[in-house]
């Protein structure tokens, strides 16, 4: 008669189990760190892309030409400057959002008659006096989605972490800033993805000087004095005549060589003290009135974000 054998299975000891758990925990922690870093990198990249998109909506895309004229299709060229910053109620606020990039009705009350809203009168269209197109032709950017708890009118442009961008305007520049992954303004010592991210759009990128010279014949038949240089630009979308009085080309009101200049910081006679917005602009050489008439030489010019020299403009 054979005796039966009994086999005993040896289990894991407590120490072995603990070792396995420690290893698994280490692997999970490492995987989580890798995932978080990858996620933060994606959010960082998304933030930079969104900043670039906002910049493009303000400045417009470059390089497009029609009939030899460079085309601009950004807010600054259409409206003549930067979008106003407003708060959630549509009230001007230096720490607000540039709602004009996606809406004309800043407080979402169904009309555009409030003080800071963009009115119907400055919608993109042909202006008869300057004979150019100007005005608001947005939305320039996709309407930001509402976050949980928000109501129409409270939309904000957000960074890759879902936090609102901070916008500040000063000296003609606008800065777009994200506080990074921790959404805390840097006070020093931040590292990695907690560091603030910002870009600045300089005034020189959307405003530029313009200069030229009026070439007068020895006799001006039919012209009355003074002869003026007039330039029409959008001011918050409104067709605006830049002050023609300093640009008169007669007597002591203008340089002897009949040069004119529109440039920030310009001093002296015949000089307009300010740059002008980029885009297609209309300049007139006329007699005593700046309004176009039969004795007016007009030129449609393209103002680019560099120095703009027109050369001689001749009156026949």
Protein backbone atom coordinates (compact mmCIF):
# COMPACT_ATOMS: atom_id res chain seq x y z
CA UNK A 1 0.00 0.00 0.00
CA UNK A 2 1.42 3.37 -1.13
CA UNK A 3 1.56 6.28 1.19
CA UNK A 4 0.06 9.56 -0.12
CA UNK A 5 2.29 12.60 -0.29
CA UNK A 6 1.13 15.97 0.95
CA UNK A 7 2.58 19.05 -0.81
CA UNK A 8 2.52 22.38 1.01
CA UNK A 9 2.47 25.65 -1.01
CA UNK A 10 4.68 28.37 0.35
CA UNK A 11 3.03 31.87 0.23
CA UNK A 12 4.53 35.36 0.04
CA UNK A 13 5.93 36.74 3.19
CA UNK A 14 4.79 40.13 4.47
CA UNK A 15 8.13 41.62 3.59
CA UNK A 16 7.86 40.40 -0.01
CA UNK A 17 4.37 41.88 -0.31
CA UNK A 18 5.59 45.21 1.04
CA UNK A 19 8.51 45.23 -1.40
CA UNK A 20 6.13 44.62 -4.31
CA UNK A 21 3.81 47.41 -3.15
CA UNK A 22 6.71 49.83 -2.83
CA UNK A 23 7.88 49.01 -6.35
CA UNK A 24 4.37 49.39 -7.76
CA UNK A 25 3.93 52.68 -5.93
CA UNK A 26 7.23 53.94 -7.32
CA UNK A 27 6.21 52.96 -10.86
CA UNK A 28 2.81 54.65 -10.48
CA UNK A 29 4.42 57.82 -9.09
CA UNK A 30 6.92 57.95 -11.91
CA UNK A 31 4.18 57.40 -14.48
CA UNK A 32 2.09 60.16 -12.87
CA UNK A 33 5.01 62.58 -13.00
CA UNK A 34 5.64 61.77 -16.65
CA UNK A 35 1.96 62.22 -17.43
CA UNK A 36 1.76 65.51 -15.51
CA UNK A 37 4.85 66.86 -17.25
CA UNK A 38 3.47 65.82 -20.61
CA UNK A 39 0.11 67.40 -19.75
CA UNK A 40 1.76 70.65 -18.61
CA UNK A 41 3.86 70.76 -21.76
CA UNK A 42 0.70 70.45 -23.86
CA UNK A 43 -0.96 73.22 -21.84
CA UNK A 44 2.14 75.40 -22.17
CA UNK A 45 2.20 74.86 -25.94
CA UNK A 46 -1.53 75.59 -26.13
CA UNK A 47 -1.00 78.82 -24.18
CA UNK A 48 1.68 80.00 -26.58
CA UNK A 49 -0.49 79.13 -29.58
CA UNK A 50 -3.44 81.05 -28.16
CA UNK A 51 -1.23 84.07 -27.48
CA UNK A 52 0.01 83.97 -31.07
CA UNK A 53 -3.59 83.75 -32.30
CA UNK A 54 -4.61 86.80 -30.25
CA UNK A 55 -1.63 88.72 -31.59
CA UNK A 56 -2.58 87.80 -35.15
CA UNK A 57 -6.17 88.98 -34.67
CA UNK A 58 -4.90 92.36 -33.49
CA UNK A 59 -2.17 92.87 -36.07
CA UNK A 60 -3.64 90.86 -38.93
CA UNK A 61 -1.79 88.56 -41.26
CA UNK A 62 0.86 89.97 -43.55
CA UNK A 63 2.07 89.09 -47.01
CA UNK A 64 -1.25 89.24 -48.88
CA UNK A 65 -1.35 91.64 -51.83
CA UNK A 66 -4.20 92.86 -54.04
CA UNK A 67 -3.53 95.05 -57.06
CA UNK A 68 -0.04 95.66 -55.74
CA UNK A 69 -1.29 96.86 -52.36
CA UNK A 70 -0.45 94.97 -49.21
CA UNK A 71 -3.58 93.91 -47.34
CA UNK A 72 -4.16 94.13 -43.59
CA UNK A 73 -7.12 92.45 -41.93
CA UNK A 74 -6.52 92.85 -38.22
CA UNK A 75 -8.33 94.83 -35.55
CA UNK A 76 -5.65 97.54 -35.32
CA UNK A 77 -5.69 98.28 -39.04
CA UNK A 78 -9.50 98.19 -39.30
CA UNK A 79 -10.21 100.25 -36.18
CA UNK A 80 -7.06 102.35 -36.00
CA UNK A 81 -5.73 101.10 -32.67
CA UNK A 82 -5.93 98.53 -29.89
CA UNK A 83 -9.20 97.03 -28.62
CA UNK A 84 -10.53 98.52 -25.40
CA UNK A 85 -10.27 96.43 -22.23
CA UNK A 86 -13.58 95.99 -20.42
CA UNK A 87 -14.84 94.05 -17.40
CA UNK A 88 -17.63 91.48 -17.17
CA UNK A 89 -20.24 94.26 -17.21
CA UNK A 90 -18.86 95.88 -20.32
CA UNK A 91 -17.32 98.79 -18.39
CA UNK A 92 -13.85 100.07 -19.28
CA UNK A 93 -11.32 98.31 -17.05
CA UNK A 94 -7.49 98.43 -17.38
CA UNK A 95 -7.45 94.81 -16.16
CA UNK A 96 -10.29 93.66 -18.39
CA UNK A 97 -10.55 91.65 -21.59
CA UNK A 98 -10.39 92.84 -25.25
CA UNK A 99 -14.01 91.92 -25.98
CA UNK A 100 -13.97 93.90 -29.21
CA UNK A 101 -12.06 91.02 -30.77
CA UNK A 102 -15.18 88.84 -30.73
CA UNK A 103 -18.22 91.05 -30.04
CA UNK A 104 -19.58 94.58 -30.32
CA UNK A 105 -22.03 94.14 -27.44
CA UNK A 106 -19.68 94.08 -24.46
CA UNK A 107 -22.25 93.43 -21.73
CA UNK A 108 -24.42 91.08 -23.83
CA UNK A 109 -27.59 93.09 -23.25
CA UNK A 110 -28.68 92.83 -26.87
CA UNK A 111 -27.74 96.31 -28.06
CA UNK A 112 -24.66 98.28 -28.96
CA UNK A 113 -25.61 101.71 -27.65
CA UNK A 114 -23.71 101.54 -24.38
CA UNK A 115 -20.77 103.89 -23.94
CA UNK A 116 -18.00 101.38 -24.52
CA UNK A 117 -19.80 99.16 -27.05
CA UNK A 118 -18.91 99.29 -30.73
CA UNK A 119 -21.85 101.03 -32.47
CA UNK A 120 -23.47 100.22 -35.79
CA UNK A 121 -21.99 103.38 -37.29
CA UNK A 122 -18.49 101.93 -37.36
CA UNK A 123 -19.24 98.57 -38.94
CA UNK A 124 -16.82 97.71 -41.75
CA UNK A 125 -17.73 99.66 -44.85
CA UNK A 126 -16.71 102.08 -47.57
CA UNK A 127 -16.18 105.66 -46.40
CA UNK A 128 -17.13 108.22 -49.00
CA UNK A 129 -14.80 111.02 -47.94
CA UNK A 130 -11.56 109.07 -47.67
CA UNK A 131 -12.68 106.60 -50.36
CA UNK A 132 -11.31 103.71 -48.33
CA UNK A 133 -12.72 100.84 -46.29
CA UNK A 134 -12.54 100.84 -42.51
CA UNK A 135 -14.42 99.82 -39.37
CA UNK A 136 -15.12 96.73 -37.27
CA UNK A 137 -15.39 93.52 -39.31
CA UNK A 138 -15.23 90.96 -36.54
CA UNK A 139 -15.46 88.63 -34.89
CA UNK A 140 -11.71 88.47 -35.30
CA UNK A 141 -11.40 85.50 -32.96
CA UNK A 142 -13.70 82.66 -31.96
CA UNK A 143 -16.01 83.55 -29.08
CA UNK A 144 -14.47 82.09 -25.89
CA UNK A 145 -16.57 79.31 -24.32
CA UNK A 146 -18.38 80.05 -21.08
CA UNK A 147 -16.89 78.40 -18.04
CA UNK A 148 -18.98 76.78 -15.32
CA UNK A 149 -21.05 79.43 -13.54
CA UNK A 150 -20.55 82.10 -16.18
CA UNK A 151 -23.34 83.81 -18.12
CA UNK A 152 -23.24 85.46 -21.56
CA UNK A 153 -21.08 88.54 -21.42
CA UNK A 154 -18.57 86.96 -19.03
CA UNK A 155 -16.58 85.14 -21.70
CA UNK A 156 -12.81 85.40 -21.32
CA UNK A 157 -9.82 84.42 -23.39
CA UNK A 158 -8.15 81.64 -21.39
CA UNK A 159 -4.71 80.05 -21.34
CA UNK A 160 -4.01 76.33 -21.74
CA UNK A 161 -4.77 75.70 -18.06
CA UNK A 162 -8.21 77.28 -18.39
CA UNK A 163 -7.32 80.49 -16.54
CA UNK A 164 -8.06 83.94 -18.00
CA UNK A 165 -5.25 85.77 -19.75
CA UNK A 166 -4.22 89.07 -18.18
CA UNK A 167 -4.12 92.06 -20.55
CA UNK A 168 -2.42 95.38 -19.84
CA UNK A 169 -2.09 98.42 -22.10
CA UNK A 170 0.53 101.07 -21.61
CA UNK A 171 2.40 103.48 -23.85
CA UNK A 172 0.70 102.10 -26.94
CA UNK A 173 1.80 98.52 -26.18
CA UNK A 174 -0.44 95.66 -25.10
CA UNK A 175 0.88 92.74 -23.03
CA UNK A 176 -0.80 89.33 -22.89
CA UNK A 177 0.13 87.28 -19.82
CA UNK A 178 -0.56 83.84 -18.37
CA UNK A 179 0.37 83.08 -14.76
CA UNK A 180 1.38 79.55 -15.70
CA UNK A 181 0.37 76.22 -14.17
CA UNK A 182 -0.03 77.57 -10.61
CA UNK A 183 -2.03 80.64 -11.80
CA UNK A 184 -0.04 82.78 -9.37
CA UNK A 185 1.71 85.97 -10.38
CA UNK A 186 5.47 85.45 -10.21
CA UNK A 187 7.18 87.05 -7.24
CA UNK A 188 10.47 85.24 -7.77
CA UNK A 189 11.57 81.69 -7.26
CA UNK A 190 9.05 80.05 -9.59
CA UNK A 191 10.38 77.31 -11.83
CA UNK A 192 9.17 75.03 -14.59
CA UNK A 193 5.62 75.46 -15.76
CA UNK A 194 4.73 77.77 -12.85
CA UNK A 195 6.73 80.58 -14.46
CA UNK A 196 4.60 83.34 -16.00
CA UNK A 197 4.34 83.49 -19.80
CA UNK A 198 3.88 86.76 -21.66
CA UNK A 199 4.16 88.43 -25.03
CA UNK A 200 3.93 92.13 -25.87
CA UNK A 201 2.60 93.75 -29.02
CA UNK A 202 4.55 96.94 -29.55
CA UNK A 203 3.02 100.13 -30.89
CA UNK A 204 5.60 100.07 -33.70
CA UNK A 205 3.96 96.87 -34.98
CA UNK A 206 0.65 98.59 -35.82
CA UNK A 207 1.50 102.31 -35.99
CA UNK A 208 4.08 103.88 -38.27
CA UNK A 209 5.44 107.24 -39.42
CA UNK A 210 4.70 108.70 -42.83
CA UNK A 211 6.56 111.37 -44.74
CA UNK A 212 6.72 112.83 -48.22
CA UNK A 213 7.04 116.02 -50.20
CA UNK A 214 4.55 118.01 -52.22
CA UNK A 215 5.95 119.03 -55.56
CA UNK A 216 4.29 122.27 -56.57
CA UNK A 217 4.36 123.75 -60.07
CA UNK A 218 5.60 127.30 -60.39
CA UNK A 219 2.02 128.47 -60.82
CA UNK A 220 -1.05 127.00 -59.17
CA UNK A 221 -3.93 127.89 -61.48
CA UNK A 222 -7.25 127.57 -59.75
CA UNK A 223 -5.83 126.85 -56.31
CA UNK A 224 -6.47 128.99 -53.29
CA UNK A 225 -4.07 129.35 -50.40
CA UNK A 226 -3.20 127.47 -48.33
CA UNK A 227 -2.57 124.12 -49.96
CA UNK A 228 -3.01 121.35 -47.37
CA UNK A 229 -1.95 117.76 -46.83
CA UNK A 230 -4.79 115.72 -45.33
CA UNK A 231 -4.79 112.15 -44.12
CA UNK A 232 -7.85 110.10 -43.19
CA UNK A 233 -7.59 107.23 -40.70
CA UNK A 234 -10.01 105.24 -38.53
CA UNK A 235 -10.22 106.36 -34.89
CA UNK A 236 -12.08 103.63 -33.02
CA UNK A 237 -13.47 102.79 -36.44
CA UNK A 238 -14.66 106.34 -37.18
CA UNK A 239 -13.37 108.05 -40.31
CA UNK A 240 -11.16 110.79 -38.90
CA UNK A 241 -9.23 113.61 -40.53
CA UNK A 242 -5.83 114.11 -38.95
CA UNK A 243 -5.43 117.78 -38.11
CA UNK A 244 -4.66 119.44 -41.45
CA UNK A 245 -3.82 122.88 -40.06
CA UNK A 246 -0.18 122.15 -39.15
CA UNK A 247 0.25 120.54 -42.56
CA UNK A 248 -0.55 123.61 -44.64
CA UNK A 249 2.03 124.28 -47.33
CA UNK A 250 1.90 128.05 -47.41
CA UNK A 251 3.81 130.83 -45.74
CA UNK A 252 5.31 129.98 -42.37
CA UNK A 253 2.90 127.09 -41.83
CA UNK A 254 5.05 124.58 -43.63
CA UNK A 255 8.71 123.77 -44.26
CA UNK A 256 10.23 125.73 -47.08
CA UNK A 257 10.95 122.51 -48.94
CA UNK A 258 7.28 121.49 -48.64
CA UNK A 259 7.95 118.29 -46.72
CA UNK A 260 5.26 116.83 -44.53
CA UNK A 261 5.61 114.26 -41.79
CA UNK A 262 3.24 112.30 -39.56
CA UNK A 263 5.36 110.91 -36.76
CA UNK A 264 5.23 110.53 -33.00
CA UNK A 265 7.37 113.16 -31.37
CA UNK A 266 7.63 115.32 -34.47
CA UNK A 267 8.12 118.99 -33.70
CA UNK A 268 8.12 122.11 -35.83
CA UNK A 269 5.83 123.45 -38.52
CA UNK A 270 4.09 121.24 -41.04
CA UNK A 271 4.47 118.16 -38.87
CA UNK A 272 1.69 116.01 -37.42
CA UNK A 273 2.71 114.90 -33.93
CA UNK A 274 1.76 111.22 -34.14
CA UNK A 275 2.20 107.99 -36.08
CA UNK A 276 -0.69 106.59 -38.07
CA UNK A 277 -2.24 103.09 -38.10
CA UNK A 278 -1.03 100.59 -40.68
CA UNK A 279 -3.29 99.61 -43.56
CA UNK A 280 -4.68 101.24 -46.69
CA UNK A 281 -4.96 104.98 -46.08
CA UNK A 282 -6.03 107.95 -48.15
CA UNK A 283 -3.95 111.12 -48.44
CA UNK A 284 -5.10 114.32 -50.17
CA UNK A 285 -3.31 117.39 -51.43
CA UNK A 286 -5.92 120.10 -51.80
CA UNK A 287 -6.63 123.78 -51.70
CA UNK A 288 -8.17 125.61 -48.76
CA UNK A 289 -10.49 122.78 -47.78
CA UNK A 290 -9.38 119.23 -46.88
CA UNK A 291 -12.61 117.79 -48.29
CA UNK A 292 -11.98 116.18 -51.70
CA UNK A 293 -12.94 118.40 -54.61
CA UNK A 294 -12.01 118.97 -58.21
CA UNK A 295 -8.75 120.61 -57.19
CA UNK A 296 -7.50 117.69 -55.13
CA UNK A 297 -4.76 115.17 -55.72
CA UNK A 298 -5.55 111.89 -53.96
CA UNK A 299 -3.38 108.86 -53.38
CA UNK A 300 -4.31 105.58 -51.74
CA UNK A 301 -1.25 104.44 -49.84
CA UNK A 302 -0.26 101.37 -47.86
CA UNK A 303 1.17 102.16 -44.45
CA UNK A 304 3.44 99.37 -43.25
CA UNK A 305 4.97 98.96 -39.77
CA UNK A 306 8.22 100.60 -40.89
CA UNK A 307 9.20 104.02 -42.14
CA UNK A 308 6.95 105.09 -45.01
CA UNK A 309 8.36 107.59 -47.52
CA UNK A 310 6.00 108.59 -50.31
CA UNK A 311 8.48 110.60 -52.31
CA UNK A 312 7.12 113.51 -54.34
CA UNK A 313 3.39 114.04 -54.73
CA UNK A 314 2.89 116.34 -57.66
CA UNK A 315 -0.02 118.68 -58.20
CA UNK A 316 -0.78 119.13 -61.90
